[in-house]
Amino acid sequence: MMIVMAGQMNDATAPDYLPRPDGQAIAYHHLPGLSPGVIFLGGFRSDMTGTKATALEECCRRFGRAFTRFDYLGHGQSTGDFADGTISRWTDDAISILDEATSGPQILVGSSMGGWIMLLAAMTRPERVAGLVGIAPAPDFTDWMWEDLAPEEQAAITRDGRLEQPSQYADEPYVFTEKLFRDGRRNRVLDRAVPFGGPVRILHGMADPDVPWRRSLELVDRLESDDVVVTFIKDGDHRLSRDEDLSRLISEVESLAQGLAE
């Protein structure tokens, strides 16, 4: 099981960098504009040049809305080693961007693993997060990924501290570390109520081979908000990056933003 996102494209401009206390730096692009702003949180081994991130940026540019996209530690143009990353660290990266690169209320758009991180960020900064949009959100994915590993793979992670697996999405193998799984257990959200009361929109493909669509129903059951709408796309895959998928995403985000601005 791989949790990754759409293909990549080159940015026309160089990113800004947000220094971190440990000497690393988060690469990001920020477009100033109307409130509420939108922040895109990518998936596992994804980066901010992906199709959904750039499509949302163009949408926000057209509407004059603030938009921010960024790369977690060890992803894309940010510094650091991917193998040093954990859910806690990547969530801290997202919160740092929220705190230092944006102002006012924000809509967090989380794709796959980004859907987990957006929940953790919203629980940490409820006064800043006005709404959530999940794209095949994968909270607690390290738990069910561990369960899907063969016994010999689990033993290799315990013994060596890491496991490399080939990916259908990239040339380089993906690295899964023991600390990623250990930290994931500390950041579970589906074992209790998720204390977020704002509007939530979820898009999930029913042909998703990586994050089964029923996972979104588990999340709905945990959310305290009553304003939750889930859209299932029967023939949609994990990435949801077709033209019709992007149009649906853009419509959901801008409709939510306009509603929150009223």
Protein backbone atom coordinates (compact mmCIF):
# COMPACT_ATOMS: atom_id res chain seq x y z
CA MET A 1 0.00 0.00 0.00
CA MET A 2 1.43 3.33 -1.07
CA ILE A 3 0.07 6.71 -0.10
CA VAL A 4 1.24 9.19 -2.70
CA MET A 5 -0.26 11.82 -4.84
CA ALA A 6 -0.39 13.23 -8.33
CA GLY A 7 2.31 13.85 -10.89
CA GLN A 8 4.59 16.81 -10.68
CA MET A 9 5.27 19.94 -12.69
CA ASN A 10 7.95 22.61 -12.55
CA ASP A 11 7.39 25.89 -10.74
CA ALA A 12 8.06 29.05 -12.70
CA THR A 13 9.38 30.89 -9.64
CA ALA A 14 11.69 29.90 -6.81
CA PRO A 15 10.03 29.21 -3.45
CA ASP A 16 10.46 31.14 -0.26
CA TYR A 17 11.99 29.31 2.71
CA LEU A 18 10.82 29.25 6.31
CA PRO A 19 13.74 28.47 8.68
CA ARG A 20 13.13 25.85 11.35
CA PRO A 21 14.79 25.81 14.82
CA ASP A 22 16.88 22.74 13.93
CA GLY A 23 18.50 24.44 10.92
CA GLN A 24 16.20 22.91 8.30
CA ALA A 25 13.96 25.04 6.06
CA ILE A 26 10.48 24.59 4.61
CA ALA A 27 10.04 25.57 0.97
CA TYR A 28 6.73 27.28 0.25
CA HIS A 29 4.80 29.51 -2.14
CA HIS A 30 2.35 32.05 -0.77
CA LEU A 31 -0.17 34.01 -2.80
CA PRO A 32 -1.72 36.93 -0.85
CA GLY A 33 -5.40 37.61 -1.26
CA LEU A 34 -8.89 37.34 0.16
CA SER A 35 -9.83 35.63 3.40
CA PRO A 36 -10.30 32.84 4.22
CA GLY A 37 -7.08 31.65 2.70
CA VAL A 38 -6.38 28.13 1.49
CA ILE A 39 -3.42 25.94 2.48
CA PHE A 40 -2.68 22.73 0.58
CA LEU A 41 -1.18 19.81 2.52
CA GLY A 42 0.24 17.11 0.30
CA GLY A 43 0.56 13.38 0.72
CA PHE A 44 3.34 10.95 1.60
CA ARG A 45 6.36 11.66 -0.65
CA SER A 46 4.30 14.17 -2.61
CA ASP A 47 5.41 17.75 -3.12
CA MET A 48 3.86 21.14 -3.73
CA THR A 49 4.28 20.99 -7.52
CA GLY A 50 1.59 18.31 -7.83
CA THR A 51 -1.44 18.72 -10.06
CA LYS A 52 -3.97 19.42 -7.30
CA ALA A 53 -1.80 21.98 -5.50
CA THR A 54 -1.07 23.97 -8.64
CA ALA A 55 -4.66 23.74 -9.91
CA LEU A 56 -5.92 25.13 -6.60
CA GLU A 57 -3.36 27.91 -6.75
CA GLU A 58 -4.58 28.96 -10.20
CA CYS A 59 -8.16 28.88 -8.97
CA CYS A 60 -7.32 31.07 -5.97
CA ARG A 61 -5.40 33.44 -8.21
CA ARG A 62 -8.47 33.87 -10.41
CA PHE A 63 -10.69 34.56 -7.41
CA GLY A 64 -8.12 36.77 -5.70
CA ARG A 65 -7.97 34.40 -2.74
CA ALA A 66 -4.92 33.80 -0.54
CA PHE A 67 -3.26 30.44 -1.15
CA THR A 68 -0.25 28.64 0.30
CA ARG A 69 1.47 25.39 -0.67
CA PHE A 70 4.61 23.94 0.87
CA ASP A 71 6.88 20.92 1.16
CA TYR A 72 7.33 18.99 4.40
CA LEU A 73 10.79 18.14 5.74
CA GLY A 74 12.56 15.88 3.26
CA HIS A 75 9.98 16.47 0.54
CA GLY A 76 10.35 18.39 -2.70
CA GLN A 77 12.39 21.57 -2.34
CA SER A 78 12.52 21.60 1.48
CA THR A 79 15.73 20.60 3.20
CA GLY A 80 16.32 17.50 5.26
CA ASP A 81 16.25 13.73 4.85
CA PHE A 82 12.87 12.14 4.17
CA ALA A 83 13.76 9.21 6.45
CA ASP A 84 13.98 11.64 9.39
CA GLY A 85 10.35 12.62 8.95
CA THR A 86 7.43 11.58 11.14
CA ILE A 87 3.77 12.54 11.40
CA SER A 88 4.67 14.78 14.36
CA ARG A 89 7.43 16.56 12.44
CA TRP A 90 5.39 17.04 9.29
CA THR A 91 2.45 18.31 11.35
CA ASP A 92 4.80 20.77 13.03
CA ASP A 93 5.92 21.92 9.58
CA ALA A 94 2.29 22.52 8.60
CA ILE A 95 1.56 24.45 11.81
CA SER A 96 4.69 26.56 11.30
CA ILE A 97 3.48 27.50 7.82
CA LEU A 98 0.03 28.30 9.24
CA ASP A 99 1.54 30.45 11.99
CA GLU A 100 4.31 32.24 10.11
CA ALA A 101 3.42 32.30 6.40
CA THR A 102 -0.31 33.06 6.60
CA SER A 103 -2.72 35.29 8.50
CA GLY A 104 -6.40 35.14 9.32
CA PRO A 105 -8.71 32.13 8.97
CA GLN A 106 -7.60 29.33 6.69
CA ILE A 107 -9.15 26.36 4.90
CA LEU A 108 -6.86 23.35 5.07
CA VAL A 109 -6.98 21.06 2.04
CA GLY A 110 -5.35 17.74 2.93
CA SER A 111 -4.61 15.03 0.39
CA SER A 112 -4.09 11.45 1.59
CA MET A 113 -1.56 11.73 4.44
CA GLY A 114 -2.22 15.47 4.32
CA GLY A 115 -5.76 14.66 5.45
CA TRP A 116 -4.32 13.27 8.67
CA ILE A 117 -2.03 16.25 9.16
CA MET A 118 -4.83 18.75 8.51
CA LEU A 119 -6.85 17.18 11.35
CA LEU A 120 -3.91 17.39 13.76
CA ALA A 121 -3.25 21.00 12.74
CA ALA A 122 -6.92 21.94 13.14
CA MET A 123 -6.99 20.41 16.61
CA THR A 124 -3.85 22.37 17.54
CA ARG A 125 -4.94 25.71 16.02
CA PRO A 126 -8.77 25.71 16.15
CA GLU A 127 -8.81 29.51 16.23
CA ARG A 128 -7.07 29.68 12.83
CA VAL A 129 -8.66 26.80 10.92
CA ALA A 130 -12.07 27.73 9.50
CA GLY A 131 -12.76 24.64 7.41
CA LEU A 132 -11.35 21.37 6.10
CA VAL A 133 -11.35 19.67 2.71
CA GLY A 134 -10.03 16.11 2.59
CA ILE A 135 -9.04 14.31 -0.60
CA ALA A 136 -8.94 10.56 0.13
CA PRO A 137 -7.91 11.46 3.68
CA ALA A 138 -5.74 8.85 5.39
CA PRO A 139 -5.68 9.49 9.14
CA ASP A 140 -3.92 6.75 11.12
CA PHE A 141 -2.65 5.16 7.89
CA THR A 142 0.49 3.86 9.61
CA ASP A 143 -1.69 1.58 11.76
CA TRP A 144 -3.38 -0.19 8.88
CA MET A 145 -0.26 -0.13 6.76
CA TRP A 146 1.59 -1.99 9.52
CA GLU A 147 -1.19 -4.57 9.63
CA ASP A 148 -0.91 -5.06 5.86
CA LEU A 149 2.83 -5.78 6.00
CA ALA A 150 3.99 -9.37 5.84
CA PRO A 151 5.53 -10.75 9.06
CA GLU A 152 8.99 -10.74 7.48
CA GLU A 153 8.57 -7.06 6.54
CA GLN A 154 7.53 -6.18 10.09
CA ALA A 155 10.54 -8.11 11.37
CA ALA A 156 12.85 -6.22 8.99
CA ILE A 157 11.58 -2.86 10.26
CA THR A 158 12.02 -3.95 13.87
CA ARG A 159 15.49 -5.30 13.16
CA ASP A 160 16.84 -2.65 10.76
CA GLY A 161 14.73 0.37 11.68
CA ARG A 162 13.52 0.78 8.10
CA LEU A 163 12.04 -0.92 5.06
CA GLU A 164 12.36 0.05 1.41
CA GLN A 165 9.58 -0.78 -1.04
CA PRO A 166 9.30 -0.08 -4.77
CA SER A 167 6.67 2.41 -5.87
CA GLN A 168 4.41 2.51 -8.90
CA TYR A 169 4.55 6.33 -8.68
CA ALA A 170 8.29 7.05 -8.56
CA ASP A 171 11.64 5.64 -9.65
CA GLU A 172 13.13 5.67 -6.17
CA PRO A 173 11.89 3.21 -3.53
CA TYR A 174 9.95 4.52 -0.58
CA VAL A 175 11.46 4.29 2.86
CA PHE A 176 9.26 3.40 5.83
CA THR A 177 10.98 3.73 9.18
CA GLU A 178 10.27 2.20 12.55
CA LYS A 179 10.00 5.67 14.07
CA LEU A 180 7.34 6.61 11.50
CA PHE A 181 5.13 3.76 12.69
CA ARG A 182 5.90 4.42 16.36
CA ASP A 183 5.15 8.13 16.01
CA GLY A 184 2.00 7.37 14.02
CA ARG A 185 0.60 5.44 16.96
CA ARG A 186 1.10 8.51 19.16
CA ASN A 187 -0.83 10.66 16.70
CA ARG A 188 -3.91 8.52 16.20
CA VAL A 189 -7.12 10.48 15.73
CA LEU A 190 -9.71 7.81 14.90
CA ASP A 191 -9.60 6.23 18.35
CA ARG A 192 -11.61 9.14 19.80
CA ALA A 193 -13.82 12.05 18.84
CA VAL A 194 -12.15 14.62 16.59
CA PRO A 195 -12.88 18.01 18.23
CA PHE A 196 -13.39 20.14 15.14
CA GLY A 197 -16.69 21.97 14.78
CA GLY A 198 -16.22 23.76 11.46
CA PRO A 199 -17.40 22.66 8.01
CA VAL A 200 -15.72 19.60 6.49
CA ARG A 201 -15.86 18.43 2.88
CA ILE A 202 -14.43 15.08 1.78
CA LEU A 203 -13.81 13.76 -1.74
CA HIS A 204 -12.97 10.07 -2.14
CA GLY A 205 -12.70 7.79 -5.15
CA MET A 206 -14.45 4.45 -4.76
CA ALA A 207 -11.84 2.83 -7.01
CA ASP A 208 -9.03 4.00 -4.71
CA PRO A 209 -6.64 1.05 -4.23
CA ASP A 210 -4.56 2.75 -1.53
CA VAL A 211 -7.06 4.32 0.87
CA PRO A 212 -10.41 2.45 0.79
CA TRP A 213 -13.38 4.82 0.62
CA ARG A 214 -14.84 3.35 3.81
CA ARG A 215 -12.01 5.04 5.71
CA SER A 216 -13.77 8.35 5.07
CA LEU A 217 -16.90 7.00 6.76
CA GLU A 218 -14.81 6.16 9.82
CA LEU A 219 -13.58 9.74 9.88
CA VAL A 220 -17.12 11.14 9.54
CA ASP A 221 -18.16 9.04 12.54
CA ARG A 222 -15.39 10.60 14.65
CA LEU A 223 -15.82 14.25 13.63
CA GLU A 224 -17.73 16.37 16.12
CA SER A 225 -18.85 18.77 13.39
CA ASP A 226 -22.39 18.35 12.06
CA ASP A 227 -21.51 20.20 8.86
CA VAL A 228 -19.81 17.31 7.06
CA VAL A 229 -20.43 16.43 3.40
CA VAL A 230 -18.79 13.44 1.70
CA THR A 231 -18.68 13.00 -2.07
CA PHE A 232 -17.83 9.57 -3.43
CA ILE A 233 -16.62 9.34 -7.03
CA LYS A 234 -17.47 5.83 -8.20
CA ASP A 235 -14.71 5.55 -10.81
CA GLY A 236 -12.24 7.81 -8.99
CA ASP A 237 -8.77 6.57 -8.10
CA HIS A 238 -6.52 7.65 -5.23
CA ARG A 239 -5.05 10.69 -6.90
CA LEU A 240 -8.29 12.28 -8.16
CA SER A 241 -6.31 14.37 -10.64
CA ARG A 242 -8.40 14.05 -13.78
CA ASP A 243 -9.88 17.24 -15.19
CA GLU A 244 -13.30 16.41 -13.79
CA ASP A 245 -11.79 15.61 -10.38
CA LEU A 246 -9.92 18.91 -10.29
CA SER A 247 -13.06 20.81 -11.27
CA ARG A 248 -14.94 19.13 -8.42
CA LEU A 249 -12.18 19.96 -5.95
CA ILE A 250 -11.99 23.59 -7.02
CA SER A 251 -15.77 23.95 -6.77
CA GLU A 252 -15.82 22.46 -3.26
CA VAL A 253 -13.01 24.66 -1.99
CA GLU A 254 -14.29 27.92 -3.43
CA SER A 255 -17.89 27.20 -2.39
CA LEU A 256 -16.71 26.55 1.17
CA ALA A 257 -14.54 29.69 1.13
CA GLN A 258 -17.41 31.88 -0.07
CA GLY A 259 -19.72 30.42 2.56
CA LEU A 260 -17.23 31.10 5.33
CA ALA A 261 -16.68 34.66 4.10
CA GLU A 262 -20.38 35.54 4.39
